[in-house]
Amino acid sequence: MEAVSVVICKEYEHELLRHAVIKLLEPIGGISAYIQSGDRVLLKPNLLAAKDPDKAVTTHPALVRVVADLVREAGGIVQIGDSPGIGGFLKVTEKTGMKKAAEESGAALIEFNESIELQGSGTFRSIRLARAYYEADKIINLPKLKTHEMMTMTCAVKNLFGAVIGTEKAGWHLKAGSSRQLFARLLLEIYQLKKPDLNIVDAVLAMEGNGPGNGTPISLGLLIAGANPVAVDVIAGKVAGIPADLLYIEREAVSMGFYGATMDDITLCGVPIESVTTTNFKLPTGLDVQFGLPAFLTRSLKNYLTSYPKADMKTCVLCGVCSAACPPAAITIQNSALSVDNARCIRCWCCRELCPHDAMQTRKSLLLRMLTLLSGAKTA
């Protein structure tokens, strides 16, 4: 059975958080079960963009500092690394407080800017990951629990996509991003190439609504941990009250036969999950058909049962971030106007994820709007 631990932690005050992390890890062996003296340990937070920690876009630096301290006390050599979705590494680490956390804990900040080609054994035969990530002795994955417009939720497995260096992410969105199932498989195959040794989820302050970059912070007051990121994500989804059929990574993990992908595979430690499950967690507005329609019907009506990005020109400043980030180059800016070619759009939602002004909105097709009303779909 895959052990997943859950504890209550209401705030990021250092001593309170340190006590909570130690308590969180006790049922699964403590930090010494994962780290040995001399290990080069990479902490992999979510550093999507240069946003203040209270926006819940990135892993809180207070948690990273606590984990770094515990690793160092266990004899590990600590590095903190990621590849931000937008913005320079130094700007992102300063704005998110990660630079200060590294300085206070004695950890080295590592930008993922060099990749190494790895041979996969599944659908994707060749995947390039950051060398610093792949060559670390141990990986501690530190995701933020957030909504995600393509995968519904981003947590432990999705956070490992950050091991793909920034310039190569768009190519993977173009190659696999037109299908949620295929993109989920890609994420799971990335996980298999270099499995994290431990996953600790920052759900003290999570994100609901239009995540992962422009959602609304929501206080869940929890930390979640386990060695298996798939099992950790199953529990995270339960805590957020997200319907299982909307958790695409977990659905694909079941299809691929991953252990830990169902509650039957998991042993829970800590607080009873029923006592901390939220019932009002808002999901992204960009979700497509989630109503259990027959597969032949969803295939034939695909273009009528989806949402498309649309710029709100009252808030759009034509900065060009969305256009530069769009994998199929479906967004253009000409004559002080932004347009989206819906025929080329693959609905990966990179534009909404990375827009620094939250100006890229969603436009549902008429049929989808009607079905949403009829189904009472749980979206923001």
Protein backbone atom coordinates (compact mmCIF):
# COMPACT_ATOMS: atom_id res chain seq x y z
CA MET A 1 0.00 0.00 0.00
CA GLU A 2 1.17 3.54 -0.77
CA ALA A 3 1.24 5.64 2.40
CA VAL A 4 0.04 9.25 2.13
CA SER A 5 0.17 11.53 5.15
CA VAL A 6 -2.08 14.57 5.74
CA VAL A 7 -1.74 17.14 8.53
CA ILE A 8 -3.40 20.43 9.33
CA CYS A 9 -1.28 23.57 9.03
CA LYS A 10 -3.10 26.87 8.91
CA GLU A 11 -0.26 29.30 8.28
CA TYR A 12 3.34 29.71 7.13
CA GLU A 13 4.88 30.92 10.39
CA HIS A 14 8.29 29.24 10.53
CA GLU A 15 8.13 27.28 13.79
CA LEU A 16 4.52 26.23 13.26
CA LEU A 17 5.32 25.08 9.72
CA ARG A 18 8.46 23.24 10.80
CA HIS A 19 6.54 21.37 13.48
CA ALA A 20 3.81 20.50 10.95
CA VAL A 21 6.29 19.16 8.37
CA ILE A 22 8.03 16.98 10.97
CA LYS A 23 4.64 15.66 12.10
CA LEU A 24 3.64 15.11 8.45
CA LEU A 25 6.71 12.98 7.73
CA GLU A 26 6.71 10.92 10.94
CA PRO A 27 4.17 8.28 9.75
CA ILE A 28 6.13 7.72 6.53
CA GLY A 29 9.55 7.39 8.14
CA GLY A 30 10.69 10.97 8.68
CA ILE A 31 13.18 12.85 6.53
CA SER A 32 15.93 10.31 7.34
CA ALA A 33 14.00 7.63 5.46
CA TYR A 34 14.63 9.53 2.24
CA ILE A 35 17.92 11.40 2.74
CA GLN A 36 21.35 10.11 3.67
CA SER A 37 24.41 12.10 4.59
CA GLY A 38 26.21 13.40 1.51
CA ASP A 39 23.20 13.13 -0.82
CA ARG A 40 22.86 15.94 -3.37
CA VAL A 41 19.20 16.76 -2.89
CA LEU A 42 17.21 18.85 -5.35
CA LEU A 43 14.07 20.55 -4.07
CA LYS A 44 11.65 21.06 -6.98
CA PRO A 45 9.07 23.75 -6.11
CA ASN A 46 6.50 25.23 -8.47
CA LEU A 47 8.03 28.48 -9.78
CA LEU A 48 5.58 29.25 -12.56
CA ALA A 49 6.01 33.02 -12.61
CA ALA A 50 7.24 36.06 -10.70
CA LYS A 51 4.29 36.39 -8.32
CA ASP A 52 4.06 37.18 -4.60
CA PRO A 53 3.65 34.05 -2.47
CA ASP A 54 0.23 35.20 -1.24
CA LYS A 55 -1.09 34.86 -4.81
CA ALA A 56 -0.77 31.04 -4.45
CA VAL A 57 0.81 30.76 -7.91
CA THR A 58 4.04 29.27 -6.59
CA THR A 59 5.15 27.02 -3.75
CA HIS A 60 5.48 29.13 -0.63
CA PRO A 61 9.13 29.91 0.18
CA ALA A 62 8.53 29.24 3.89
CA LEU A 63 7.81 25.57 3.12
CA VAL A 64 10.86 25.30 0.87
CA ARG A 65 13.05 26.77 3.60
CA VAL A 66 11.73 24.34 6.23
CA VAL A 67 12.31 21.32 3.97
CA ALA A 68 15.77 22.60 3.03
CA ASP A 69 16.66 22.94 6.71
CA LEU A 70 15.50 19.39 7.46
CA VAL A 71 17.46 18.00 4.52
CA ARG A 72 20.60 19.84 5.60
CA GLU A 73 20.17 18.60 9.18
CA ALA A 74 19.98 15.05 7.76
CA GLY A 75 23.34 15.61 6.05
CA GLY A 76 22.08 16.42 2.57
CA ILE A 77 23.53 19.03 0.22
CA VAL A 78 20.57 21.16 -0.82
CA GLN A 79 19.72 22.69 -4.18
CA ILE A 80 16.50 24.45 -5.22
CA GLY A 81 15.73 24.31 -8.94
CA ASP A 82 13.03 24.81 -11.55
CA SER A 83 12.35 26.23 -15.00
CA PRO A 84 9.77 29.06 -14.74
CA GLY A 85 6.98 29.24 -17.28
CA ILE A 86 7.45 32.97 -17.73
CA GLY A 87 10.11 35.45 -16.69
CA GLY A 88 13.80 35.19 -15.97
CA PHE A 89 14.96 32.82 -13.24
CA LEU A 90 16.49 35.54 -11.07
CA LYS A 91 13.39 37.74 -11.27
CA VAL A 92 11.12 34.81 -10.44
CA THR A 93 13.20 33.64 -7.47
CA GLU A 94 13.36 37.18 -6.06
CA LYS A 95 9.65 37.95 -6.45
CA THR A 96 8.49 34.60 -5.08
CA GLY A 97 10.78 34.82 -2.04
CA MET A 98 12.68 31.72 -3.16
CA LYS A 99 16.02 33.54 -3.29
CA LYS A 100 15.66 34.61 0.33
CA ALA A 101 14.59 31.09 1.35
CA ALA A 102 17.70 29.69 -0.31
CA GLU A 103 19.96 32.20 1.42
CA GLU A 104 18.39 31.54 4.84
CA SER A 105 18.69 27.78 4.48
CA GLY A 106 22.10 27.67 2.83
CA ALA A 107 20.70 26.06 -0.33
CA ALA A 108 21.99 26.73 -3.83
CA LEU A 109 19.58 28.06 -6.45
CA ILE A 110 19.83 26.09 -9.71
CA GLU A 111 18.28 27.28 -12.95
CA PHE A 112 17.25 24.50 -15.31
CA ASN A 113 18.98 25.69 -18.47
CA GLU A 114 20.76 22.58 -19.74
CA SER A 115 18.94 19.42 -20.76
CA ILE A 116 19.88 15.80 -21.33
CA GLU A 117 18.16 13.42 -23.74
CA LEU A 118 16.60 10.35 -22.13
CA GLN A 119 15.11 7.29 -23.75
CA GLY A 120 11.53 6.57 -22.77
CA SER A 121 9.86 3.17 -22.81
CA GLY A 122 6.31 4.23 -23.53
CA THR A 123 4.52 6.43 -26.04
CA PHE A 124 7.28 9.05 -26.03
CA ARG A 125 10.59 7.47 -26.94
CA SER A 126 12.79 10.51 -26.41
CA ILE A 127 12.33 13.14 -23.70
CA ARG A 128 14.79 15.81 -22.67
CA LEU A 129 14.93 16.75 -18.99
CA ALA A 130 17.02 19.27 -17.10
CA ARG A 131 20.45 17.85 -16.36
CA ALA A 132 20.44 19.25 -12.82
CA TYR A 133 17.16 17.45 -12.14
CA TYR A 134 18.18 14.11 -13.63
CA GLU A 135 21.65 14.01 -12.06
CA ALA A 136 20.57 14.87 -8.50
CA ASP A 137 20.96 12.02 -6.02
CA LYS A 138 17.53 12.65 -4.51
CA ILE A 139 14.49 14.68 -5.58
CA ILE A 140 11.99 16.21 -3.17
CA ASN A 141 9.00 17.42 -5.16
CA LEU A 142 7.29 20.47 -3.60
CA PRO A 143 4.16 21.25 -5.64
CA LYS A 144 1.41 23.75 -4.92
CA LEU A 145 -2.15 22.40 -5.04
CA LYS A 146 -3.86 24.42 -7.78
CA THR A 147 -6.49 24.13 -10.45
CA HIS A 148 -5.31 23.75 -14.03
CA GLU A 149 -7.37 24.52 -17.11
CA MET A 150 -6.06 21.61 -19.09
CA MET A 151 -5.54 18.92 -16.43
CA THR A 152 -8.16 20.27 -13.97
CA MET A 153 -5.61 19.99 -11.15
CA THR A 154 -1.87 20.54 -10.99
CA CYS A 155 -0.08 18.95 -8.09
CA ALA A 156 2.70 16.38 -7.66
CA VAL A 157 2.83 14.72 -11.10
CA LYS A 158 2.20 17.88 -13.10
CA ASN A 159 4.88 19.76 -11.14
CA LEU A 160 7.48 17.44 -12.68
CA PHE A 161 6.82 19.05 -16.07
CA GLY A 162 9.05 21.80 -14.71
CA ALA A 163 11.97 19.41 -15.29
CA VAL A 164 11.50 20.21 -18.98
CA ILE A 165 13.45 23.41 -19.58
CA GLY A 166 11.39 26.43 -20.58
CA THR A 167 12.12 26.64 -24.29
CA GLU A 168 11.13 23.00 -24.80
CA LYS A 169 7.78 23.12 -22.98
CA ALA A 170 5.98 24.70 -25.94
CA GLY A 171 7.11 21.90 -28.22
CA TRP A 172 5.61 19.29 -25.90
CA HIS A 173 2.35 21.22 -25.68
CA LEU A 174 2.22 21.22 -29.47
CA LYS A 175 3.08 17.51 -29.71
CA ALA A 176 0.80 16.24 -26.93
CA GLY A 177 -1.36 19.18 -25.87
CA SER A 178 -4.27 18.65 -28.22
CA SER A 179 -5.43 15.71 -26.09
CA ARG A 180 -5.79 15.73 -22.31
CA GLN A 181 -5.27 11.97 -22.29
CA LEU A 182 -2.06 12.19 -24.30
CA PHE A 183 -0.68 15.07 -22.26
CA ALA A 184 -1.45 13.20 -19.04
CA ARG A 185 0.46 10.21 -20.44
CA LEU A 186 3.41 12.47 -21.23
CA LEU A 187 3.46 13.75 -17.64
CA LEU A 188 3.38 10.22 -16.27
CA GLU A 189 6.18 9.11 -18.57
CA ILE A 190 8.28 12.10 -17.44
CA TYR A 191 7.67 10.97 -13.86
CA GLN A 192 8.89 7.47 -14.72
CA LEU A 193 12.18 8.76 -16.13
CA LYS A 194 13.24 10.23 -12.78
CA LYS A 195 10.97 9.44 -9.88
CA PRO A 196 10.95 11.87 -6.96
CA ASP A 197 11.91 10.30 -3.65
CA LEU A 198 9.42 12.35 -1.66
CA ASN A 199 6.50 14.65 -2.48
CA ILE A 200 5.28 17.35 -0.08
CA VAL A 201 2.25 19.34 -1.24
CA ASP A 202 1.76 22.96 -0.24
CA ALA A 203 -1.98 23.14 0.36
CA VAL A 204 -1.84 25.61 3.23
CA LEU A 205 -2.90 28.21 0.69
CA ALA A 206 -4.13 26.56 -2.51
CA MET A 207 -5.63 27.95 -5.74
CA GLU A 208 -9.11 27.46 -7.15
CA GLY A 209 -10.82 28.83 -10.26
CA ASN A 210 -8.75 29.69 -13.30
CA GLY A 211 -5.42 28.25 -12.24
CA PRO A 212 -2.59 27.67 -12.47
CA GLY A 213 -1.60 31.31 -13.00
CA ASN A 214 -4.70 33.44 -12.56
CA GLY A 215 -6.94 31.63 -10.10
CA THR A 216 -8.10 32.65 -6.64
CA PRO A 217 -6.20 31.75 -3.45
CA ILE A 218 -8.17 29.52 -1.10
CA SER A 219 -7.12 28.51 2.39
CA LEU A 220 -7.15 24.71 2.77
CA GLY A 221 -4.75 24.67 5.71
CA LEU A 222 -3.15 21.35 4.82
CA LEU A 223 0.11 19.62 3.98
CA ILE A 224 0.12 16.30 2.10
CA ALA A 225 3.10 13.98 1.67
CA GLY A 226 4.05 10.61 0.23
CA ALA A 227 6.67 8.83 -1.85
CA ASN A 228 4.32 8.12 -4.76
CA PRO A 229 3.19 11.31 -6.56
CA VAL A 230 0.24 9.57 -8.19
CA ALA A 231 -1.11 8.50 -4.80
CA VAL A 232 -0.43 11.96 -3.38
CA ASP A 233 -2.43 13.50 -6.22
CA VAL A 234 -5.34 11.12 -5.62
CA ILE A 235 -5.56 12.41 -2.04
CA ALA A 236 -5.10 16.03 -3.13
CA GLY A 237 -8.01 15.63 -5.54
CA LYS A 238 -10.12 14.13 -2.75
CA VAL A 239 -9.27 17.00 -0.41
CA ALA A 240 -10.26 19.55 -3.07
CA GLY A 241 -13.48 17.67 -3.76
CA ILE A 242 -12.69 17.34 -7.48
CA PRO A 243 -14.72 14.61 -9.26
CA ALA A 244 -12.51 11.66 -10.16
CA ASP A 245 -13.54 11.78 -13.83
CA LEU A 246 -12.03 15.28 -14.10
CA LEU A 247 -8.61 14.22 -12.81
CA TYR A 248 -7.05 13.35 -16.15
CA ILE A 249 -3.63 12.38 -14.83
CA GLU A 250 -5.13 9.95 -12.35
CA ARG A 251 -7.48 8.53 -14.99
CA GLU A 252 -4.54 7.89 -17.30
CA ALA A 253 -2.52 6.43 -14.43
CA VAL A 254 -5.28 3.87 -13.90
CA SER A 255 -5.27 3.09 -17.62
CA MET A 256 -1.49 2.60 -17.56
CA GLY A 257 -1.67 0.35 -14.51
CA PHE A 258 0.14 2.67 -12.09
CA TYR A 259 0.07 1.52 -8.49
CA GLY A 260 -1.32 4.21 -6.20
CA ALA A 261 -3.83 5.47 -8.74
CA THR A 262 -6.88 4.38 -6.74
CA MET A 263 -7.95 4.66 -3.11
CA ASP A 264 -7.67 0.87 -2.82
CA ASP A 265 -3.88 1.25 -3.22
CA ILE A 266 -3.48 3.94 -0.54
CA THR A 267 -3.04 3.90 3.23
CA LEU A 268 -3.91 7.26 4.80
CA CYS A 269 -2.02 8.63 7.79
CA GLY A 270 -2.78 11.68 9.88
CA VAL A 271 -6.09 13.53 9.91
CA PRO A 272 -9.16 11.74 8.48
CA ILE A 273 -9.60 12.97 4.93
CA GLU A 274 -13.36 13.34 5.37
CA SER A 275 -12.79 15.99 8.03
CA VAL A 276 -10.73 18.24 5.74
CA THR A 277 -12.43 17.79 2.35
CA THR A 278 -13.78 21.02 0.89
CA THR A 279 -17.08 21.09 -0.98
CA ASN A 280 -16.90 24.50 -2.64
CA PHE A 281 -13.63 24.27 -4.58
CA LYS A 282 -14.20 26.17 -7.84
CA LEU A 283 -12.90 24.62 -11.05
CA PRO A 284 -11.65 26.39 -14.21
CA THR A 285 -14.08 27.94 -16.66
CA GLY A 286 -12.11 26.49 -19.57
CA LEU A 287 -13.09 22.89 -18.92
CA ASP A 288 -14.72 21.22 -21.89
CA VAL A 289 -17.31 18.46 -21.89
CA GLN A 290 -17.29 16.65 -18.55
CA PHE A 291 -20.73 15.16 -18.62
CA GLY A 292 -20.17 11.48 -19.41
CA LEU A 293 -21.42 11.70 -22.98
CA PRO A 294 -20.73 8.70 -25.25
CA ALA A 295 -17.26 8.76 -26.81
CA PHE A 296 -18.58 8.67 -30.40
CA LEU A 297 -20.67 11.75 -29.68
CA THR A 298 -17.86 13.76 -28.11
CA ARG A 299 -15.57 12.90 -31.01
CA SER A 300 -18.04 13.98 -33.67
CA LEU A 301 -19.02 17.15 -31.84
CA LYS A 302 -15.57 18.01 -30.50
CA ASN A 303 -15.41 21.50 -32.00
CA TYR A 304 -18.87 22.31 -30.65
CA LEU A 305 -18.24 21.02 -27.14
CA THR A 306 -15.23 23.06 -26.17
CA SER A 307 -14.07 26.48 -24.98
CA TYR A 308 -11.71 28.85 -26.73
CA PRO A 309 -9.45 31.62 -25.42
CA LYS A 310 -10.61 35.16 -25.98
CA ALA A 311 -8.80 38.33 -24.96
CA ASP A 312 -10.55 40.86 -22.76
CA MET A 313 -9.39 44.02 -24.48
CA LYS A 314 -10.27 46.11 -21.42
CA THR A 315 -7.42 44.49 -19.51
CA CYS A 316 -5.16 43.27 -22.34
CA VAL A 317 -2.12 45.52 -22.82
CA LEU A 318 -0.90 43.68 -25.95
CA CYS A 319 2.29 42.62 -24.18
CA GLY A 320 2.64 39.62 -26.52
CA VAL A 321 3.28 37.01 -23.80
CA CYS A 322 0.36 34.88 -24.96
CA SER A 323 1.40 35.08 -28.59
CA ALA A 324 4.99 34.08 -27.78
CA ALA A 325 3.82 31.21 -25.56
CA CYS A 326 1.23 29.77 -27.96
CA PRO A 327 2.59 26.39 -29.21
CA PRO A 328 0.63 26.33 -32.53
CA ALA A 329 1.09 30.08 -33.10
CA ALA A 330 -2.67 30.62 -33.08
CA ILE A 331 -2.48 34.07 -31.47
CA THR A 332 -1.43 37.12 -33.44
CA ILE A 333 -1.21 40.83 -32.69
CA GLN A 334 -1.66 43.23 -35.58
CA ASN A 335 -2.78 46.85 -35.80
CA SER A 336 -3.24 47.11 -32.03
CA ALA A 337 -5.59 44.11 -31.99
CA LEU A 338 -5.21 40.56 -30.71
CA SER A 339 -6.86 37.66 -32.50
CA VAL A 340 -7.07 33.90 -31.90
CA ASP A 341 -7.30 31.44 -34.78
CA ASN A 342 -9.71 28.90 -33.29
CA ALA A 343 -8.99 26.41 -36.07
CA ARG A 344 -5.32 26.24 -34.99
CA CYS A 345 -5.92 26.53 -31.24
CA ILE A 346 -5.29 23.24 -29.40
CA ARG A 347 -6.83 24.43 -26.11
CA CYS A 348 -3.66 23.90 -24.09
CA TRP A 349 -4.44 27.19 -22.28
CA CYS A 350 -0.80 28.27 -22.13
CA CYS A 351 -2.05 31.76 -23.00
CA ARG A 352 -4.26 31.95 -19.91
CA GLU A 353 -1.70 30.25 -17.72
CA LEU A 354 1.05 32.73 -18.54
CA CYS A 355 -0.84 36.00 -19.12
CA PRO A 356 0.57 38.41 -16.51
CA HIS A 357 -2.60 40.54 -16.58
CA ASP A 358 -5.29 37.81 -16.45
CA ALA A 359 -6.61 39.24 -19.71
CA MET A 360 -7.13 36.01 -21.62
CA GLN A 361 -10.63 34.75 -20.87
CA THR A 362 -12.66 31.78 -22.12
CA ARG A 363 -15.48 31.68 -24.63
CA LYS A 364 -17.67 28.58 -24.57
CA SER A 365 -19.47 27.38 -27.66
CA LEU A 366 -23.24 27.77 -27.60
CA LEU A 367 -23.77 24.00 -27.29
CA LEU A 368 -21.29 23.77 -24.44
CA ARG A 369 -22.99 26.64 -22.60
CA MET A 370 -26.33 24.88 -22.93
CA LEU A 371 -24.94 21.57 -21.68
CA THR A 372 -23.17 23.31 -18.82
CA LEU A 373 -26.45 24.82 -17.66
CA LEU A 374 -28.27 21.52 -18.00
CA SER A 375 -25.59 19.54 -16.15
CA GLY A 376 -24.90 22.03 -13.40
CA ALA A 377 -21.19 21.50 -14.04
CA LYS A 378 -18.96 22.54 -11.16
CA THR A 379 -16.94 25.33 -12.74
CA ALA A 380 -16.04 28.81 -11.62
